[in-house]
Amino acid sequence: MATIKLQPSGAVLLKDGKVACACCEGCCYYPSAILSQGIYIVNDLPDAVTVDGVSFARSGSNYGGTTNGVRLEGRTWAKYANGVRSTNPCLFKNGVVSQFANAYYLQSPATELCPQGNYTATIVKFENSNFCGYPSGESDCGGQETNAEIFYMAYDDYGIERQGKWLCNIGAGSPEGFTVKTGFQNSPVGTYNVPGVGIVTVS
């Protein structure tokens, strides 16, 4: 398991000493409010989720029906269990869980951080009340130690561009901040075009 630096409050401390904005509102995958506002779209939702142990494929913004499943209703996620309805602002809560892997493989091009060749790392799922994502442990790269993280940004105090998105941070971080995954945001898998680093691939 990768080591995560936390403040006493439980907020995740980033490599530059700042608190990750993704953590300020707590861990909340795919918030219903910003989906209903169009800040991210239905194609950004996961292809499938598991509800009380049963897998449901996505159809629009719904998984299953009003007997069993979870559906976007207005500005909330409504979960149905044998016809009983409960609500939550976050998709993965209250018996609704992701089908994301427990670990992925991250690879980036040669950079100043790793001049001898590609930087590679296994990124391992880490979730608590403040953080949703996949950090790596520190890896040796040409005598230097560096690390990377892929995490889900629910809300961002600095604008909507990164809300509801998967983000990449590698090494000391790009000068332009965290980088949004290219394309749909339905999982952490894909490419991240990190300034000063290049194309980072998660598979």
N, C-alpha and C. Protein backbone atom coordinates (compact mmCIF):
# COMPACT_ATOMS: atom_id res chain seq x y z
N MET A 1 0.86 -1.19 0.00
CA MET A 1 0.00 0.00 0.00
C MET A 1 0.89 1.24 0.00
N ALA A 2 0.54 2.20 -0.85
CA ALA A 2 1.31 3.43 -0.91
C ALA A 2 1.11 4.25 0.37
N THR A 3 2.10 5.06 0.68
CA THR A 3 2.02 5.92 1.85
C THR A 3 1.40 7.25 1.46
N ILE A 4 0.34 7.65 2.14
CA ILE A 4 -0.32 8.91 1.89
C ILE A 4 -0.04 9.83 3.06
N LYS A 5 0.37 11.07 2.78
CA LYS A 5 0.61 12.03 3.85
C LYS A 5 -0.69 12.76 4.14
N LEU A 6 -1.09 12.73 5.40
CA LEU A 6 -2.35 13.34 5.81
C LEU A 6 -2.11 14.43 6.84
N GLN A 7 -2.92 15.46 6.80
CA GLN A 7 -2.96 16.42 7.88
C GLN A 7 -3.73 15.79 9.04
N PRO A 8 -3.62 16.37 10.25
CA PRO A 8 -4.39 15.83 11.38
C PRO A 8 -5.88 15.75 11.11
N SER A 9 -6.39 16.64 10.23
CA SER A 9 -7.82 16.62 9.89
C SER A 9 -8.19 15.45 9.01
N GLY A 10 -7.17 14.79 8.43
CA GLY A 10 -7.43 13.71 7.48
C GLY A 10 -7.31 14.15 6.04
N ALA A 11 -7.13 15.46 5.79
CA ALA A 11 -6.97 15.94 4.41
C ALA A 11 -5.64 15.46 3.85
N VAL A 12 -5.63 15.18 2.56
CA VAL A 12 -4.43 14.68 1.92
C VAL A 12 -3.49 15.82 1.61
N LEU A 13 -2.23 15.68 2.00
CA LEU A 13 -1.21 16.68 1.77
C LEU A 13 -0.47 16.34 0.50
N LEU A 14 -0.45 17.27 -0.46
CA LEU A 14 0.21 17.05 -1.73
C LEU A 14 1.71 17.30 -1.60
N LYS A 15 2.44 16.97 -2.70
CA LYS A 15 3.90 17.05 -2.65
C LYS A 15 4.41 18.47 -2.50
N ASP A 16 3.59 19.49 -2.91
CA ASP A 16 4.02 20.87 -2.74
C ASP A 16 3.61 21.44 -1.40
N GLY A 17 3.05 20.60 -0.52
CA GLY A 17 2.67 21.03 0.81
C GLY A 17 1.26 21.56 0.91
N LYS A 18 0.56 21.66 -0.23
CA LYS A 18 -0.81 22.15 -0.21
C LYS A 18 -1.77 21.00 0.03
N VAL A 19 -2.99 21.35 0.41
CA VAL A 19 -4.03 20.35 0.60
C VAL A 19 -4.73 20.13 -0.73
N ALA A 20 -4.91 18.86 -1.10
CA ALA A 20 -5.56 18.56 -2.37
C ALA A 20 -6.99 19.07 -2.37
N CYS A 21 -7.35 19.85 -3.40
CA CYS A 21 -8.72 20.36 -3.49
C CYS A 21 -9.72 19.23 -3.62
N ALA A 22 -9.28 18.13 -4.21
CA ALA A 22 -10.19 16.99 -4.37
C ALA A 22 -10.67 16.47 -3.03
N CYS A 23 -9.93 16.81 -1.98
CA CYS A 23 -10.24 16.24 -0.67
C CYS A 23 -11.08 17.17 0.19
N CYS A 24 -11.15 18.43 -0.20
CA CYS A 24 -11.78 19.39 0.69
C CYS A 24 -13.26 19.10 0.92
N GLU A 25 -13.93 18.53 -0.09
CA GLU A 25 -15.34 18.19 0.04
C GLU A 25 -15.51 16.73 0.44
N GLY A 26 -14.45 16.02 0.68
CA GLY A 26 -14.50 14.61 0.98
C GLY A 26 -14.50 13.78 -0.28
N CYS A 27 -14.36 12.46 -0.10
CA CYS A 27 -14.32 11.55 -1.24
C CYS A 27 -15.73 11.38 -1.78
N CYS A 28 -15.97 11.81 -3.00
CA CYS A 28 -17.30 11.72 -3.60
C CYS A 28 -17.14 11.46 -5.09
N TYR A 29 -17.29 10.21 -5.48
CA TYR A 29 -17.23 9.87 -6.91
C TYR A 29 -18.53 10.27 -7.61
N TYR A 30 -18.39 10.92 -8.75
CA TYR A 30 -19.51 11.22 -9.65
C TYR A 30 -20.68 11.90 -8.92
N PRO A 31 -20.46 13.13 -8.44
CA PRO A 31 -21.51 13.84 -7.70
C PRO A 31 -22.73 14.09 -8.60
N SER A 32 -23.89 13.86 -8.04
CA SER A 32 -25.12 14.01 -8.80
C SER A 32 -25.40 15.46 -9.16
N ALA A 33 -25.08 16.40 -8.28
CA ALA A 33 -25.43 17.80 -8.52
C ALA A 33 -24.74 18.34 -9.75
N ILE A 34 -23.45 18.07 -9.91
CA ILE A 34 -22.75 18.64 -11.06
C ILE A 34 -23.02 17.86 -12.34
N LEU A 35 -23.48 16.61 -12.23
CA LEU A 35 -23.95 15.90 -13.42
C LEU A 35 -25.25 16.52 -13.90
N SER A 36 -26.16 16.80 -12.98
CA SER A 36 -27.44 17.40 -13.38
C SER A 36 -27.25 18.80 -13.94
N GLN A 37 -26.15 19.46 -13.59
CA GLN A 37 -25.83 20.80 -14.12
C GLN A 37 -25.08 20.74 -15.44
N GLY A 38 -24.70 19.54 -15.88
CA GLY A 38 -23.98 19.40 -17.14
C GLY A 38 -22.50 19.68 -17.06
N ILE A 39 -21.95 19.76 -15.85
CA ILE A 39 -20.50 20.00 -15.70
C ILE A 39 -19.71 18.79 -16.17
N TYR A 40 -20.24 17.60 -15.96
CA TYR A 40 -19.76 16.43 -16.68
C TYR A 40 -21.00 15.74 -17.26
N ILE A 41 -20.81 14.77 -18.16
CA ILE A 41 -21.93 14.22 -18.91
C ILE A 41 -22.09 12.72 -18.64
N VAL A 42 -23.19 12.15 -19.11
CA VAL A 42 -23.48 10.75 -18.81
C VAL A 42 -22.40 9.81 -19.36
N ASN A 43 -21.77 10.16 -20.48
CA ASN A 43 -20.70 9.30 -21.01
C ASN A 43 -19.46 9.27 -20.11
N ASP A 44 -19.38 10.22 -19.17
CA ASP A 44 -18.29 10.21 -18.19
C ASP A 44 -18.56 9.25 -17.04
N LEU A 45 -19.77 8.75 -16.93
CA LEU A 45 -20.10 7.82 -15.84
C LEU A 45 -19.48 6.45 -16.10
N PRO A 46 -19.25 5.67 -15.04
CA PRO A 46 -18.73 4.30 -15.22
C PRO A 46 -19.64 3.46 -16.10
N ASP A 47 -19.06 2.52 -16.83
CA ASP A 47 -19.84 1.66 -17.72
C ASP A 47 -20.76 0.73 -16.95
N ALA A 48 -20.37 0.40 -15.73
CA ALA A 48 -21.19 -0.49 -14.88
C ALA A 48 -20.85 -0.22 -13.43
N VAL A 49 -21.78 -0.52 -12.55
CA VAL A 49 -21.56 -0.45 -11.10
C VAL A 49 -22.13 -1.71 -10.47
N THR A 50 -21.78 -1.93 -9.23
CA THR A 50 -22.33 -3.04 -8.46
C THR A 50 -23.22 -2.48 -7.36
N VAL A 51 -24.47 -2.94 -7.33
CA VAL A 51 -25.43 -2.47 -6.33
C VAL A 51 -25.83 -3.66 -5.47
N ASP A 52 -25.46 -3.61 -4.20
CA ASP A 52 -25.76 -4.70 -3.26
C ASP A 52 -25.34 -6.06 -3.83
N GLY A 53 -24.17 -6.08 -4.45
CA GLY A 53 -23.59 -7.33 -4.95
C GLY A 53 -24.01 -7.73 -6.35
N VAL A 54 -24.88 -6.95 -7.00
CA VAL A 54 -25.35 -7.28 -8.35
C VAL A 54 -24.83 -6.22 -9.32
N SER A 55 -24.28 -6.66 -10.46
CA SER A 55 -23.74 -5.76 -11.47
C SER A 55 -24.84 -5.23 -12.38
N PHE A 56 -24.80 -3.92 -12.63
CA PHE A 56 -25.73 -3.28 -13.55
C PHE A 56 -24.94 -2.44 -14.55
N ALA A 57 -25.20 -2.64 -15.84
CA ALA A 57 -24.60 -1.81 -16.88
C ALA A 57 -25.33 -0.48 -16.95
N ARG A 58 -24.59 0.53 -17.40
CA ARG A 58 -25.19 1.87 -17.50
C ARG A 58 -26.12 1.96 -18.72
N SER A 59 -27.26 2.61 -18.52
CA SER A 59 -28.16 2.98 -19.60
C SER A 59 -28.53 4.43 -19.40
N GLY A 60 -27.93 5.32 -20.18
CA GLY A 60 -28.08 6.75 -19.91
C GLY A 60 -27.41 7.08 -18.60
N SER A 61 -28.17 7.65 -17.67
CA SER A 61 -27.63 7.93 -16.33
C SER A 61 -28.15 6.94 -15.30
N ASN A 62 -28.66 5.79 -15.76
CA ASN A 62 -29.26 4.82 -14.85
C ASN A 62 -28.52 3.49 -14.88
N TYR A 63 -28.57 2.82 -13.75
CA TYR A 63 -28.07 1.45 -13.60
C TYR A 63 -29.19 0.65 -12.97
N GLY A 64 -29.84 -0.21 -13.73
CA GLY A 64 -30.98 -0.94 -13.19
C GLY A 64 -32.23 -0.09 -13.20
N GLY A 65 -33.22 -0.49 -12.39
CA GLY A 65 -34.51 0.18 -12.40
C GLY A 65 -34.97 0.59 -11.03
N THR A 66 -36.26 0.74 -10.88
CA THR A 66 -36.83 1.22 -9.62
C THR A 66 -37.21 0.09 -8.68
N THR A 67 -36.83 -1.14 -9.04
CA THR A 67 -36.89 -2.23 -8.08
C THR A 67 -35.53 -2.43 -7.44
N ASN A 68 -34.50 -2.58 -8.29
CA ASN A 68 -33.13 -2.66 -7.82
C ASN A 68 -32.24 -1.89 -8.80
N GLY A 69 -31.38 -1.06 -8.26
CA GLY A 69 -30.48 -0.28 -9.09
C GLY A 69 -30.22 1.08 -8.49
N VAL A 70 -29.56 1.94 -9.29
CA VAL A 70 -29.30 3.32 -8.87
C VAL A 70 -29.49 4.21 -10.09
N ARG A 71 -30.17 5.35 -9.87
CA ARG A 71 -30.58 6.21 -10.98
C ARG A 71 -30.39 7.67 -10.59
N LEU A 72 -30.08 8.50 -11.60
CA LEU A 72 -30.06 9.94 -11.35
C LEU A 72 -31.49 10.44 -11.40
N GLU A 73 -31.94 11.02 -10.29
CA GLU A 73 -33.28 11.58 -10.22
C GLU A 73 -33.17 13.02 -9.72
N GLY A 74 -33.36 13.96 -10.64
CA GLY A 74 -33.17 15.36 -10.30
C GLY A 74 -31.72 15.64 -10.01
N ARG A 75 -31.43 16.08 -8.80
CA ARG A 75 -30.05 16.41 -8.41
C ARG A 75 -29.48 15.41 -7.41
N THR A 76 -30.01 14.18 -7.41
CA THR A 76 -29.53 13.19 -6.46
C THR A 76 -29.45 11.81 -7.11
N TRP A 77 -28.61 10.95 -6.55
CA TRP A 77 -28.62 9.54 -6.91
C TRP A 77 -29.64 8.83 -6.04
N ALA A 78 -30.56 8.12 -6.69
CA ALA A 78 -31.58 7.36 -5.97
C ALA A 78 -31.26 5.88 -6.12
N LYS A 79 -31.03 5.23 -5.00
CA LYS A 79 -30.78 3.79 -4.99
C LYS A 79 -32.07 3.06 -4.64
N TYR A 80 -32.33 1.97 -5.36
CA TYR A 80 -33.51 1.15 -5.08
C TYR A 80 -33.06 -0.25 -4.67
N ALA A 81 -33.56 -0.71 -3.56
CA ALA A 81 -33.30 -2.06 -3.06
C ALA A 81 -34.64 -2.70 -2.76
N ASN A 82 -35.04 -3.64 -3.61
CA ASN A 82 -36.37 -4.27 -3.49
C ASN A 82 -37.47 -3.22 -3.42
N GLY A 83 -37.30 -2.18 -4.24
CA GLY A 83 -38.31 -1.14 -4.32
C GLY A 83 -38.20 -0.05 -3.27
N VAL A 84 -37.31 -0.21 -2.30
CA VAL A 84 -37.14 0.81 -1.26
C VAL A 84 -36.11 1.83 -1.73
N ARG A 85 -36.47 3.09 -1.73
CA ARG A 85 -35.64 4.17 -2.27
C ARG A 85 -34.86 4.87 -1.16
N SER A 86 -33.57 5.12 -1.43
CA SER A 86 -32.75 5.97 -0.58
C SER A 86 -31.92 6.85 -1.50
N THR A 87 -31.40 7.96 -0.99
CA THR A 87 -30.69 8.91 -1.85
C THR A 87 -29.32 9.25 -1.28
N ASN A 88 -28.43 9.68 -2.19
CA ASN A 88 -27.10 10.11 -1.81
C ASN A 88 -26.56 11.02 -2.90
N PRO A 89 -25.76 12.04 -2.55
CA PRO A 89 -25.20 12.93 -3.58
C PRO A 89 -24.05 12.30 -4.36
N CYS A 90 -23.47 11.19 -3.86
CA CYS A 90 -22.32 10.55 -4.49
C CYS A 90 -22.73 9.18 -5.01
N LEU A 91 -22.22 8.80 -6.19
CA LEU A 91 -22.64 7.54 -6.79
C LEU A 91 -22.23 6.34 -5.95
N PHE A 92 -20.98 6.30 -5.52
CA PHE A 92 -20.47 5.12 -4.81
C PHE A 92 -20.66 5.28 -3.30
N LYS A 93 -21.86 5.08 -2.86
CA LYS A 93 -22.20 5.14 -1.44
C LYS A 93 -23.35 4.16 -1.20
N ASN A 94 -23.55 3.79 0.06
CA ASN A 94 -24.77 3.10 0.47
C ASN A 94 -25.01 1.81 -0.31
N GLY A 95 -23.95 1.00 -0.45
CA GLY A 95 -24.10 -0.29 -1.13
C GLY A 95 -23.88 -0.25 -2.62
N VAL A 96 -23.60 0.94 -3.18
CA VAL A 96 -23.23 1.07 -4.59
C VAL A 96 -21.72 1.20 -4.66
N VAL A 97 -21.05 0.26 -5.34
CA VAL A 97 -19.58 0.27 -5.38
C VAL A 97 -19.10 0.23 -6.82
N SER A 98 -17.86 0.67 -6.99
CA SER A 98 -17.28 0.71 -8.32
C SER A 98 -16.80 -0.67 -8.74
N GLN A 99 -16.57 -0.81 -10.03
CA GLN A 99 -15.94 -2.00 -10.57
C GLN A 99 -14.53 -1.68 -11.06
N PHE A 100 -13.96 -0.58 -10.55
CA PHE A 100 -12.58 -0.23 -10.88
C PHE A 100 -11.64 -1.25 -10.24
N ALA A 101 -10.50 -1.47 -10.86
CA ALA A 101 -9.52 -2.41 -10.33
C ALA A 101 -8.90 -1.89 -9.04
N ASN A 102 -8.33 -2.80 -8.28
CA ASN A 102 -7.63 -2.40 -7.05
C ASN A 102 -6.28 -1.78 -7.35
N ALA A 103 -5.73 -2.02 -8.54
CA ALA A 103 -4.45 -1.44 -8.91
C ALA A 103 -4.38 -1.31 -10.42
N TYR A 104 -3.65 -0.29 -10.88
CA TYR A 104 -3.40 -0.09 -12.30
C TYR A 104 -1.90 0.13 -12.50
N TYR A 105 -1.51 0.17 -13.76
CA TYR A 105 -0.10 0.36 -14.13
C TYR A 105 0.04 1.72 -14.79
N LEU A 106 0.96 2.54 -14.30
CA LEU A 106 1.19 3.88 -14.83
C LEU A 106 2.55 3.93 -15.51
N GLN A 107 2.60 4.57 -16.67
CA GLN A 107 3.85 4.71 -17.41
C GLN A 107 3.92 6.10 -18.01
N SER A 108 5.10 6.74 -17.89
CA SER A 108 5.31 8.04 -18.50
C SER A 108 6.60 8.02 -19.30
N PRO A 109 6.77 8.98 -20.23
CA PRO A 109 8.02 9.05 -20.98
C PRO A 109 9.19 9.45 -20.10
N ALA A 110 10.39 9.36 -20.68
CA ALA A 110 11.58 9.87 -19.99
C ALA A 110 11.41 11.36 -19.75
N THR A 111 11.76 11.81 -18.56
CA THR A 111 11.65 13.23 -18.21
C THR A 111 12.86 13.60 -17.37
N GLU A 112 12.92 14.86 -16.94
CA GLU A 112 13.98 15.27 -16.02
C GLU A 112 13.91 14.45 -14.74
N LEU A 113 12.70 14.02 -14.38
CA LEU A 113 12.54 13.20 -13.18
C LEU A 113 13.12 11.81 -13.38
N CYS A 114 13.13 11.37 -14.63
CA CYS A 114 13.53 10.00 -14.92
C CYS A 114 14.31 9.99 -16.24
N PRO A 115 15.50 10.58 -16.30
CA PRO A 115 16.21 10.74 -17.57
C PRO A 115 16.70 9.43 -18.17
N GLN A 116 16.82 8.37 -17.37
CA GLN A 116 17.34 7.12 -17.88
C GLN A 116 16.29 6.31 -18.66
N GLY A 117 15.06 6.68 -18.58
CA GLY A 117 14.02 5.92 -19.28
C GLY A 117 12.66 6.19 -18.71
N ASN A 118 11.72 5.41 -19.13
CA ASN A 118 10.34 5.60 -18.71
C ASN A 118 10.19 5.45 -17.20
N TYR A 119 9.30 6.27 -16.64
CA TYR A 119 8.92 6.11 -15.25
C TYR A 119 7.71 5.21 -15.21
N THR A 120 7.77 4.14 -14.47
CA THR A 120 6.64 3.22 -14.36
C THR A 120 6.35 2.99 -12.88
N ALA A 121 5.10 2.74 -12.60
CA ALA A 121 4.71 2.48 -11.21
C ALA A 121 3.39 1.74 -11.18
N THR A 122 3.21 0.93 -10.16
CA THR A 122 1.91 0.37 -9.87
C THR A 122 1.19 1.34 -8.95
N ILE A 123 0.00 1.76 -9.35
CA ILE A 123 -0.78 2.68 -8.53
C ILE A 123 -1.92 1.88 -7.90
N VAL A 124 -2.06 2.03 -6.60
CA VAL A 124 -2.94 1.17 -5.81
C VAL A 124 -4.10 1.99 -5.25
N LYS A 125 -5.30 1.44 -5.34
CA LYS A 125 -6.49 2.14 -4.87
C LYS A 125 -6.36 2.49 -3.39
N PHE A 126 -6.66 3.74 -3.09
CA PHE A 126 -6.68 4.21 -1.71
C PHE A 126 -7.87 5.14 -1.56
N GLU A 127 -8.77 4.80 -0.69
CA GLU A 127 -9.97 5.60 -0.49
C GLU A 127 -10.23 5.76 1.00
N ASN A 128 -10.48 6.98 1.40
CA ASN A 128 -11.00 7.22 2.75
C ASN A 128 -11.99 8.38 2.64
N SER A 129 -12.35 8.98 3.73
CA SER A 129 -13.38 10.02 3.68
C SER A 129 -12.91 11.26 2.93
N ASN A 130 -11.59 11.38 2.69
CA ASN A 130 -11.06 12.58 2.07
C ASN A 130 -10.41 12.38 0.71
N PHE A 131 -10.17 11.15 0.31
CA PHE A 131 -9.39 10.93 -0.90
C PHE A 131 -9.96 9.78 -1.71
N CYS A 132 -10.11 10.01 -3.03
CA CYS A 132 -10.53 8.97 -3.96
C CYS A 132 -9.44 8.83 -5.02
N GLY A 133 -8.70 7.76 -5.02
CA GLY A 133 -7.73 7.66 -6.09
C GLY A 133 -6.73 6.55 -5.96
N TYR A 134 -5.66 6.72 -6.74
CA TYR A 134 -4.63 5.70 -6.91
C TYR A 134 -3.25 6.35 -6.81
N PRO A 135 -2.68 6.46 -5.63
CA PRO A 135 -1.31 6.93 -5.52
C PRO A 135 -0.32 5.78 -5.72
N SER A 136 0.90 6.14 -6.11
CA SER A 136 1.98 5.16 -6.14
C SER A 136 2.86 5.39 -4.93
N GLY A 137 3.63 4.39 -4.57
CA GLY A 137 4.69 4.60 -3.61
C GLY A 137 5.85 5.28 -4.31
N GLU A 138 6.82 5.74 -3.56
CA GLU A 138 8.00 6.35 -4.18
C GLU A 138 8.78 5.27 -4.91
N SER A 139 9.18 5.58 -6.15
CA SER A 139 9.93 4.64 -6.98
C SER A 139 11.29 5.24 -7.32
N ASP A 140 12.30 4.40 -7.34
CA ASP A 140 13.63 4.85 -7.70
C ASP A 140 13.71 5.00 -9.21
N CYS A 141 14.21 6.13 -9.68
CA CYS A 141 14.32 6.38 -11.11
C CYS A 141 15.64 7.07 -11.36
N GLY A 142 16.64 6.31 -11.76
CA GLY A 142 17.95 6.89 -12.02
C GLY A 142 18.56 7.52 -10.79
N GLY A 143 18.32 6.91 -9.63
CA GLY A 143 18.89 7.45 -8.39
C GLY A 143 18.02 8.48 -7.73
N GLN A 144 16.93 8.86 -8.36
CA GLN A 144 16.01 9.83 -7.76
C GLN A 144 14.73 9.12 -7.34
N GLU A 145 14.14 9.60 -6.28
CA GLU A 145 12.85 9.07 -5.87
C GLU A 145 11.75 10.01 -6.34
N THR A 146 10.73 9.45 -6.94
CA THR A 146 9.60 10.25 -7.38
C THR A 146 8.34 9.43 -7.17
N ASN A 147 7.20 10.03 -7.38
CA ASN A 147 5.95 9.30 -7.24
C ASN A 147 4.88 9.93 -8.12
N ALA A 148 3.74 9.30 -8.16
CA ALA A 148 2.65 9.76 -9.01
C ALA A 148 1.34 9.47 -8.32
N GLU A 149 0.29 10.16 -8.77
CA GLU A 149 -1.03 9.88 -8.24
C GLU A 149 -2.08 10.18 -9.31
N ILE A 150 -3.09 9.35 -9.34
CA ILE A 150 -4.28 9.55 -10.16
C ILE A 150 -5.43 9.65 -9.17
N PHE A 151 -6.20 10.72 -9.25
CA PHE A 151 -7.30 10.83 -8.30
C PHE A 151 -8.52 11.48 -8.94
N TYR A 152 -9.66 11.30 -8.29
CA TYR A 152 -10.92 11.82 -8.80
C TYR A 152 -11.25 13.13 -8.10
N MET A 153 -11.47 14.17 -8.90
CA MET A 153 -11.79 15.50 -8.38
C MET A 153 -13.30 15.70 -8.43
N ALA A 154 -13.94 15.69 -7.29
CA ALA A 154 -15.38 15.93 -7.26
C ALA A 154 -15.67 17.41 -7.47
N TYR A 155 -15.09 18.26 -6.63
CA TYR A 155 -15.33 19.69 -6.67
C TYR A 155 -14.00 20.41 -6.66
N ASP A 156 -13.98 21.62 -7.22
CA ASP A 156 -12.75 22.41 -7.27
C ASP A 156 -13.11 23.86 -7.03
N ASP A 157 -12.53 24.44 -6.00
CA ASP A 157 -12.83 25.82 -5.65
C ASP A 157 -12.37 26.82 -6.70
N TYR A 158 -11.49 26.40 -7.62
CA TYR A 158 -10.89 27.33 -8.57
C TYR A 158 -11.59 27.33 -9.93
N GLY A 159 -12.68 26.59 -10.09
CA GLY A 159 -13.38 26.58 -11.36
C GLY A 159 -13.95 25.20 -11.65
N ILE A 160 -14.70 25.12 -12.76
CA ILE A 160 -15.39 23.88 -13.06
C ILE A 160 -14.60 22.95 -13.97
N GLU A 161 -13.47 23.41 -14.52
CA GLU A 161 -12.79 22.63 -15.54
C GLU A 161 -12.35 21.25 -15.07
N ARG A 162 -12.05 21.11 -13.78
CA ARG A 162 -11.55 19.84 -13.27
C ARG A 162 -12.59 19.09 -12.44
N GLN A 163 -13.78 19.65 -12.29
CA GLN A 163 -14.80 19.00 -11.48
C GLN A 163 -15.34 17.78 -12.21
N GLY A 164 -15.51 16.69 -11.48
CA GLY A 164 -16.02 15.47 -12.08
C GLY A 164 -15.03 14.80 -13.00
N LYS A 165 -13.73 15.02 -12.75
CA LYS A 165 -12.70 14.53 -13.65
C LYS A 165 -11.65 13.69 -12.91
N TRP A 166 -11.01 12.79 -13.66
CA TRP A 166 -9.82 12.08 -13.19
C TRP A 166 -8.60 12.94 -13.51
N LEU A 167 -7.71 13.09 -12.52
CA LEU A 167 -6.54 13.95 -12.66
C LEU A 167 -5.26 13.17 -12.40
N CYS A 168 -4.18 13.65 -13.02
CA CYS A 168 -2.85 13.05 -12.83
C CYS A 168 -1.90 14.07 -12.25
N ASN A 169 -1.09 13.63 -11.32
CA ASN A 169 0.03 14.43 -10.80
C ASN A 169 1.23 13.50 -10.74
N ILE A 170 2.35 13.92 -11.27
CA ILE A 170 3.53 13.06 -11.30
C ILE A 170 4.75 13.86 -10.88
N GLY A 171 5.60 13.25 -10.09
CA GLY A 171 6.79 13.94 -9.61
C GLY A 171 6.41 15.14 -8.77
N ALA A 172 7.04 16.27 -9.07
CA ALA A 172 6.75 17.50 -8.32
C ALA A 172 5.49 18.18 -8.83
N GLY A 173 4.87 17.59 -9.85
CA GLY A 173 3.66 18.19 -10.41
C GLY A 173 3.98 19.09 -11.57
N SER A 174 3.09 19.19 -12.53
CA SER A 174 3.32 20.05 -13.68
C SER A 174 3.16 21.51 -13.28
N PRO A 175 3.83 22.42 -13.98
CA PRO A 175 3.72 23.84 -13.62
C PRO A 175 2.32 24.38 -13.81
N GLU A 176 1.50 23.70 -14.61
CA GLU A 176 0.14 24.17 -14.87
C GLU A 176 -0.89 23.48 -13.99
N GLY A 177 -0.43 22.71 -13.02
CA GLY A 177 -1.35 22.06 -12.11
C GLY A 177 -1.70 20.66 -12.55
N PHE A 178 -2.67 20.08 -11.88
CA PHE A 178 -3.07 18.71 -12.17
C PHE A 178 -3.68 18.60 -13.56
N THR A 179 -3.43 17.48 -14.21
CA THR A 179 -3.84 17.30 -15.60
C THR A 179 -5.05 16.39 -15.69
N VAL A 180 -6.06 16.84 -16.43
CA VAL A 180 -7.30 16.09 -16.62
C VAL A 180 -7.07 14.96 -17.62
N LYS A 181 -7.65 13.80 -17.34
CA LYS A 181 -7.60 12.68 -18.27
C LYS A 181 -8.20 13.08 -19.62
N THR A 182 -7.62 12.58 -20.70
CA THR A 182 -8.13 12.82 -22.05
C THR A 182 -9.39 12.00 -22.28
N GLY A 183 -10.42 12.60 -22.85
CA GLY A 183 -11.62 11.86 -23.21
C GLY A 183 -12.58 11.69 -22.04
N PHE A 184 -13.41 10.64 -22.13
CA PHE A 184 -14.42 10.41 -21.11
C PHE A 184 -13.79 10.04 -19.77
N GLN A 185 -14.53 10.32 -18.72
CA GLN A 185 -14.03 10.17 -17.34
C GLN A 185 -14.63 8.94 -16.65
N ASN A 186 -14.97 7.91 -17.43
CA ASN A 186 -15.68 6.75 -16.87
C ASN A 186 -14.82 5.82 -16.04
N SER A 187 -13.50 6.00 -16.06
CA SER A 187 -12.59 5.24 -15.21
C SER A 187 -11.25 5.95 -15.21
N PRO A 188 -10.32 5.56 -14.34
CA PRO A 188 -8.99 6.18 -14.37
C PRO A 188 -8.14 5.73 -15.55
N VAL A 189 -8.53 4.69 -16.25
CA VAL A 189 -7.75 4.15 -17.37
C VAL A 189 -7.78 5.13 -18.53
N GLY A 190 -6.59 5.35 -19.14
CA GLY A 190 -6.52 6.23 -20.29
C GLY A 190 -5.23 7.01 -20.30
N THR A 191 -5.24 8.16 -20.98
CA THR A 191 -4.04 8.97 -21.11
C THR A 191 -4.23 10.35 -20.51
N TYR A 192 -3.14 10.90 -20.01
CA TYR A 192 -3.10 12.22 -19.38
C TYR A 192 -1.91 12.95 -20.00
N ASN A 193 -2.16 14.04 -20.70
CA ASN A 193 -1.09 14.79 -21.37
C ASN A 193 -0.54 15.82 -20.40
N VAL A 194 0.47 15.43 -19.63
CA VAL A 194 0.99 16.24 -18.54
C VAL A 194 2.05 17.21 -19.05
N PRO A 195 1.85 18.52 -18.91
CA PRO A 195 2.85 19.48 -19.36
C PRO A 195 4.20 19.22 -18.70
N GLY A 196 5.25 19.27 -19.49
CA GLY A 196 6.59 19.03 -18.98
C GLY A 196 6.94 17.57 -18.79
N VAL A 197 5.98 16.70 -18.98
CA VAL A 197 6.21 15.26 -18.83
C VAL A 197 5.89 14.52 -20.13
N GLY A 198 4.71 14.79 -20.68
CA GLY A 198 4.27 14.10 -21.89
C GLY A 198 3.06 13.24 -21.61
N ILE A 199 2.85 12.24 -22.45
CA ILE A 199 1.68 11.38 -22.33
C ILE A 199 1.90 10.35 -21.25
N VAL A 200 1.11 10.42 -20.20
CA VAL A 200 1.11 9.43 -19.13
C VAL A 200 -0.04 8.49 -19.39
N THR A 201 0.25 7.18 -19.35
CA THR A 201 -0.75 6.17 -19.65
C THR A 201 -1.07 5.36 -18.40
N VAL A 202 -2.34 5.16 -18.15
CA VAL A 202 -2.80 4.30 -17.06
C VAL A 202 -3.55 3.14 -17.69
N SER A 203 -3.12 1.91 -17.36
CA SER A 203 -3.75 0.73 -17.94
C SER A 203 -3.91 -0.36 -16.88
